[in-house]
Amino acid sequence: MKKIISIFLIIIPIALPAQLSDFNDTIVKTVVLIEKKVGSKIQPHGTGFILYDYNSALRYIVTNKHIIGKHKSLYVSLPLKGMISNKKIILQDDNWEVTNNNIRGKVDLIPDSTVVFSRNYDLAVFKMEIPSHIVLSDNNDSISVERLSIPRSGILKLNQVEVGTDVYFIGFPFHIGTEIGYAYDTTRLFSDIASNPLVRKGLLSWKSERSNEFLIDGFSFGGNSGSPVITKIDRETGRSYLIGIVQGHLSEYDTTLKHSDYIKYNAGLARCISSDQILNLIEIYKEKCE
């Protein structure tokens, strides 16, 4: 009589590693909301980001020239760690104030003294001394300011980045992530008590050795001006890198209409300036303002 041998296959489930994100969310904390005063109110105006100078307590704020415009002063807002509602605040610097869960600083803009502009590109750089924490007067506790910054070692020049690279750009289009939020009819949507920028993904779609501008296959809108453009995380170094700044977008027209009725459309290509020019402008700032 033949023996029948039964074989049981035991399958042990193996947990697969979670998919690693390509986005470095700490970069968000280098982005600042730039505001302007309209009448008696301070309103969102654009985006900037912080670069770190290893030899100074000051931080460089990088944005677009058209954001500065003819303003003699603007405001920079950064989020605070922790809730501070209904608590008294002590600030040692009169140029800073606390609004909701932001700390807002005023900067006076004096060309070639406190701010410099690129001659050929839509770029501006100014410096601010950003406090690292604030003190609550009711119990002498302190709250940290979210003031992370991009160091020089976190910057790549355009010739170091290939076309087709996935990138992200971070800013405040349509006032999303600000106290005002996105206006829909009479409703304000997607607002926040602390500045909380929107992250968008794109693709480095065009660059040239003849140009310090490049194009991203991605939609940029009003409020994205001044947004930093960063690469996805490099798996070898574990870091993301700044490669430029958004200055606007390309538009096209509906040519099926009469010329007087042409409608301008966002072409879905964000126009950007390379980090090469950002670094050049910082050197000019050092020569003129330090």
Protein backbone atom coordinates (compact mmCIF):
# COMPACT_ATOMS: atom_id res chain seq x y z
CA MET A 1 0.00 0.00 0.00
CA LYS A 2 1.43 3.32 -1.01
CA LYS A 3 1.77 6.02 1.57
CA ILE A 4 0.30 9.40 0.73
CA ILE A 5 2.37 12.24 2.03
CA SER A 6 0.58 15.54 2.42
CA ILE A 7 2.62 18.71 2.15
CA PHE A 8 1.23 21.84 3.72
CA LEU A 9 2.51 25.13 2.43
CA ILE A 10 2.55 27.71 5.18
CA ILE A 11 2.58 31.28 3.91
CA ILE A 12 3.93 33.80 6.39
CA PRO A 13 2.94 37.37 5.51
CA ILE A 14 5.92 39.69 5.36
CA ALA A 15 5.30 43.34 6.00
CA LEU A 16 6.64 45.39 3.15
CA PRO A 17 8.42 48.61 4.05
CA ALA A 18 6.27 51.70 3.78
CA GLN A 19 6.86 53.64 0.59
CA LEU A 20 9.37 56.36 1.26
CA SER A 21 8.24 59.88 0.49
CA ASP A 22 10.15 61.87 -2.11
CA PHE A 23 9.30 65.10 -0.33
CA ASN A 24 11.26 66.60 2.55
CA ASP A 25 8.58 68.29 4.64
CA THR A 26 11.11 70.21 6.74
CA ILE A 27 11.65 72.44 3.70
CA VAL A 28 8.16 73.86 4.33
CA LYS A 29 9.50 75.51 7.48
CA THR A 30 11.97 77.57 5.42
CA VAL A 31 9.11 79.29 3.57
CA VAL A 32 7.77 82.62 4.81
CA LEU A 33 4.61 84.54 4.06
CA ILE A 34 5.31 88.06 2.79
CA GLU A 35 2.58 90.57 3.58
CA LYS A 36 1.81 94.18 2.76
CA LYS A 37 -0.20 96.90 4.46
CA VAL A 38 -3.35 97.99 2.67
CA GLY A 39 -4.97 100.85 4.55
CA SER A 40 -5.02 99.75 8.16
CA LYS A 41 -4.94 96.02 7.34
CA ILE A 42 -2.02 93.69 6.64
CA GLN A 43 -2.73 91.24 3.84
CA PRO A 44 -0.90 88.35 2.13
CA HIS A 45 1.26 89.51 -0.74
CA GLY A 46 3.61 86.71 -1.82
CA THR A 47 6.12 84.08 -0.84
CA GLY A 48 9.75 84.09 0.23
CA PHE A 49 12.17 81.66 1.78
CA ILE A 50 15.09 81.75 4.20
CA LEU A 51 18.71 81.04 3.40
CA TYR A 52 21.23 80.60 6.17
CA ASP A 53 24.47 82.54 6.46
CA TYR A 54 26.88 80.43 8.50
CA ASN A 55 28.68 83.49 9.86
CA SER A 56 25.73 85.54 11.04
CA ALA A 57 22.64 85.40 13.24
CA LEU A 58 20.82 87.11 10.38
CA ARG A 59 18.93 85.21 7.72
CA TYR A 60 18.63 86.06 4.03
CA ILE A 61 15.08 86.32 2.75
CA VAL A 62 14.84 85.59 -0.98
CA THR A 63 11.84 86.65 -3.04
CA ASN A 64 10.95 88.30 -6.35
CA LYS A 65 11.72 91.89 -7.30
CA HIS A 66 8.10 92.46 -8.33
CA ILE A 67 6.93 91.51 -4.83
CA ILE A 68 9.07 94.25 -3.32
CA GLY A 69 8.03 96.69 -6.05
CA LYS A 70 7.96 100.24 -4.72
CA HIS A 71 7.06 99.23 -1.18
CA LYS A 72 9.09 101.02 1.46
CA SER A 73 8.31 98.31 3.97
CA LEU A 74 6.82 94.82 4.02
CA TYR A 75 6.11 92.15 6.63
CA VAL A 76 7.40 88.61 7.05
CA SER A 77 5.35 86.03 8.95
CA LEU A 78 6.55 82.71 10.35
CA PRO A 79 4.63 80.08 12.35
CA LEU A 80 5.16 79.37 16.04
CA LYS A 81 5.40 75.96 17.68
CA GLY A 82 2.47 75.43 19.99
CA MET A 83 -0.75 77.27 20.72
CA ILE A 84 -0.51 80.71 22.32
CA SER A 85 -4.11 81.93 22.30
CA ASN A 86 -5.12 84.18 25.21
CA LYS A 87 -1.57 84.44 26.57
CA LYS A 88 0.36 87.62 27.10
CA ILE A 89 3.49 88.00 25.04
CA ILE A 90 6.80 89.73 25.68
CA LEU A 91 8.82 90.63 22.60
CA GLN A 92 12.20 92.26 22.97
CA ASP A 93 12.19 93.63 19.42
CA ASP A 94 9.55 96.24 18.56
CA ASN A 95 9.75 95.22 14.89
CA TRP A 96 8.08 91.89 15.71
CA GLU A 97 4.57 91.09 16.88
CA VAL A 98 2.51 87.96 17.47
CA THR A 99 -0.68 87.46 15.47
CA ASN A 100 -2.66 84.28 16.13
CA ASN A 101 0.05 81.61 15.89
CA ASN A 102 2.41 83.60 13.70
CA ILE A 103 5.22 85.95 14.53
CA ARG A 104 5.26 88.91 12.14
CA GLY A 105 8.26 91.16 11.52
CA LYS A 106 8.43 94.45 9.68
CA VAL A 107 11.32 95.14 7.35
CA ASP A 108 12.19 98.58 5.98
CA LEU A 109 13.31 98.30 2.38
CA ILE A 110 16.08 100.67 1.35
CA PRO A 111 17.66 99.80 -2.03
CA ASP A 112 21.36 98.90 -1.77
CA SER A 113 21.17 99.30 2.00
CA THR A 114 18.70 96.77 3.39
CA VAL A 115 17.59 95.16 0.11
CA VAL A 116 19.25 94.47 -3.22
CA PHE A 117 17.70 93.72 -6.59
CA SER A 118 19.06 91.73 -9.47
CA ARG A 119 19.70 93.89 -12.51
CA ASN A 120 18.66 91.23 -15.04
CA TYR A 121 16.31 88.92 -13.13
CA ASP A 122 13.15 89.15 -11.06
CA LEU A 123 15.04 88.61 -7.80
CA ALA A 124 15.43 90.42 -4.50
CA VAL A 125 17.31 89.65 -1.28
CA PHE A 126 17.07 91.26 2.13
CA LYS A 127 18.15 90.29 5.63
CA MET A 128 16.31 89.97 8.91
CA GLU A 129 17.24 89.01 12.44
CA ILE A 130 14.60 86.43 13.24
CA PRO A 131 14.09 85.62 16.94
CA SER A 132 14.48 81.96 17.84
CA HIS A 133 11.78 82.07 20.53
CA ILE A 134 9.33 84.33 22.31
CA VAL A 135 8.55 84.58 26.01
CA LEU A 136 5.08 84.27 27.52
CA SER A 137 4.78 86.86 30.26
CA ASP A 138 2.30 84.98 32.42
CA ASN A 139 4.67 82.14 33.31
CA ASN A 140 8.02 83.00 31.64
CA ASP A 141 7.73 79.97 29.38
CA SER A 142 8.98 80.34 25.84
CA ILE A 143 7.71 79.17 22.47
CA SER A 144 9.99 78.38 19.57
CA VAL A 145 9.78 80.12 16.23
CA GLU A 146 9.74 77.83 13.19
CA ARG A 147 12.74 79.44 11.53
CA LEU A 148 14.48 76.66 9.63
CA SER A 149 16.58 77.82 6.72
CA ILE A 150 18.27 76.40 3.65
CA PRO A 151 22.07 76.26 4.00
CA ARG A 152 24.46 76.75 1.11
CA SER A 153 25.18 73.03 1.19
CA GLY A 154 21.50 72.52 0.35
CA ILE A 155 21.71 74.39 -2.95
CA LEU A 156 22.41 72.95 -6.40
CA LYS A 157 23.28 74.94 -9.50
CA LEU A 158 21.15 74.38 -12.55
CA ASN A 159 23.83 72.44 -14.43
CA GLN A 160 23.78 69.87 -11.63
CA VAL A 161 20.14 68.98 -12.22
CA GLU A 162 18.81 66.97 -15.14
CA VAL A 163 15.72 67.70 -17.21
CA GLY A 164 12.98 65.32 -16.08
CA THR A 165 13.79 65.67 -12.38
CA ASP A 166 10.77 65.71 -10.08
CA VAL A 167 10.58 68.97 -8.14
CA TYR A 168 8.32 70.69 -5.63
CA PHE A 169 7.46 74.35 -5.20
CA ILE A 170 5.95 75.78 -2.04
CA GLY A 171 3.98 78.98 -1.55
CA PHE A 172 0.69 80.75 -0.89
CA PRO A 173 -1.37 80.81 -4.12
CA PHE A 174 -4.92 82.20 -3.78
CA HIS A 175 -4.09 83.04 -0.12
CA ILE A 176 -4.36 79.32 0.73
CA GLY A 177 -2.73 78.62 4.07
CA THR A 178 -3.03 82.20 5.31
CA GLU A 179 -5.46 83.68 7.81
CA ILE A 180 -7.58 84.96 4.90
CA GLY A 181 -7.72 81.68 3.01
CA TYR A 182 -9.21 80.97 -0.40
CA ALA A 183 -12.21 83.15 -1.19
CA TYR A 184 -15.17 81.20 -2.56
CA ASP A 185 -18.33 83.33 -2.81
CA THR A 186 -18.49 84.74 0.73
CA THR A 187 -16.73 81.77 2.32
CA ARG A 188 -13.05 81.66 3.17
CA LEU A 189 -11.70 78.15 2.68
CA PHE A 190 -8.35 76.52 3.46
CA SER A 191 -7.26 79.19 5.93
CA ASP A 192 -5.10 78.58 8.99
CA ILE A 193 -4.16 80.38 12.20
CA ALA A 194 -0.47 79.86 11.41
CA SER A 195 1.03 80.38 7.96
CA ASN A 196 0.85 77.00 6.25
CA PRO A 197 2.02 77.02 2.61
CA LEU A 198 0.74 74.84 -0.19
CA VAL A 199 3.07 72.24 -1.73
CA ARG A 200 2.83 71.53 -5.46
CA LYS A 201 4.69 68.96 -7.52
CA GLY A 202 6.13 69.50 -10.97
CA LEU A 203 8.79 68.39 -13.41
CA LEU A 204 11.89 70.23 -14.54
CA SER A 205 10.81 70.33 -18.16
CA TRP A 206 13.22 72.74 -19.85
CA LYS A 207 16.59 74.36 -19.27
CA SER A 208 19.37 75.71 -21.45
CA GLU A 209 23.04 76.51 -21.14
CA ARG A 210 22.21 79.92 -22.60
CA SER A 211 19.70 80.85 -19.91
CA ASN A 212 19.49 81.20 -16.14
CA GLU A 213 15.77 80.61 -16.34
CA PHE A 214 14.09 77.23 -16.52
CA LEU A 215 10.56 75.88 -16.84
CA ILE A 216 8.58 73.54 -14.64
CA ASP A 217 5.71 71.45 -15.93
CA GLY A 218 3.39 72.59 -13.14
CA PHE A 219 0.74 75.22 -12.46
CA SER A 220 1.90 78.36 -10.68
CA PHE A 221 -0.59 81.07 -9.75
CA GLY A 222 -0.65 84.42 -8.01
CA GLY A 223 0.89 83.99 -4.57
CA ASN A 224 3.41 81.42 -5.81
CA SER A 225 5.78 84.23 -6.76
CA GLY A 226 8.86 83.77 -4.59
CA SER A 227 8.26 80.05 -4.03
CA PRO A 228 11.42 77.95 -3.64
CA VAL A 229 11.87 75.13 -6.14
CA ILE A 230 13.37 72.02 -4.56
CA THR A 231 14.29 68.58 -5.81
CA LYS A 232 12.81 65.37 -4.52
CA ILE A 233 14.88 63.61 -1.86
CA ASP A 234 18.18 62.26 -3.15
CA ARG A 235 18.36 58.65 -1.95
CA GLU A 236 22.15 58.75 -1.65
CA THR A 237 22.36 61.88 0.49
CA GLY A 238 18.87 61.80 2.02
CA ARG A 239 18.47 65.50 1.20
CA SER A 240 16.43 67.79 -1.01
CA TYR A 241 18.12 70.69 -2.78
CA LEU A 242 17.11 74.19 -3.75
CA ILE A 243 17.50 74.77 -7.49
CA GLY A 244 15.64 78.04 -8.02
CA ILE A 245 12.67 80.31 -7.39
CA VAL A 246 9.30 80.75 -9.11
CA GLN A 247 8.76 84.14 -10.71
CA GLY A 248 5.48 83.49 -12.54
CA HIS A 249 4.08 81.38 -15.35
CA LEU A 250 3.73 81.37 -19.12
CA SER A 251 0.37 82.31 -20.60
CA GLU A 252 -1.38 81.63 -23.87
CA TYR A 253 -4.31 83.30 -25.58
CA ASP A 254 -7.51 81.96 -27.08
CA THR A 255 -6.85 83.04 -30.67
CA THR A 256 -10.26 81.83 -31.86
CA LEU A 257 -11.62 85.09 -30.45
CA LYS A 258 -11.28 88.56 -31.81
CA HIS A 259 -8.06 90.25 -30.77
CA SER A 260 -9.90 92.62 -28.44
CA ASP A 261 -11.55 89.65 -26.71
CA TYR A 262 -8.44 87.50 -26.27
CA ILE A 263 -8.53 85.55 -23.02
CA LYS A 264 -5.25 84.77 -21.30
CA TYR A 265 -4.80 81.23 -19.99
CA ASN A 266 -2.21 79.70 -17.70
CA ALA A 267 -0.15 77.44 -19.95
CA GLY A 268 0.81 75.13 -17.07
CA LEU A 269 4.49 76.04 -17.25
CA ALA A 270 5.99 77.80 -14.23
CA ARG A 271 8.76 80.26 -15.07
CA CYS A 272 11.70 80.00 -12.67
CA ILE A 273 15.11 81.58 -12.00
CA SER A 274 18.06 79.35 -11.19
CA SER A 275 19.82 79.18 -7.83
CA ASP A 276 22.96 80.39 -9.63
CA GLN A 277 21.47 83.87 -9.74
CA ILE A 278 20.31 83.67 -6.13
CA LEU A 279 23.88 82.96 -5.01
CA ASN A 280 25.18 85.79 -7.22
CA LEU A 281 22.74 88.25 -5.66
CA ILE A 282 23.72 87.25 -2.13
CA GLU A 283 27.33 88.08 -2.99
CA ILE A 284 26.19 91.46 -4.29
CA TYR A 285 24.28 91.99 -1.03
CA LYS A 286 27.46 91.33 0.94
CA GLU A 287 29.38 93.87 -1.12
CA LYS A 288 26.77 96.62 -0.88
CA CYS A 289 25.05 96.11 2.46
CA GLU A 290 27.46 94.43 4.88
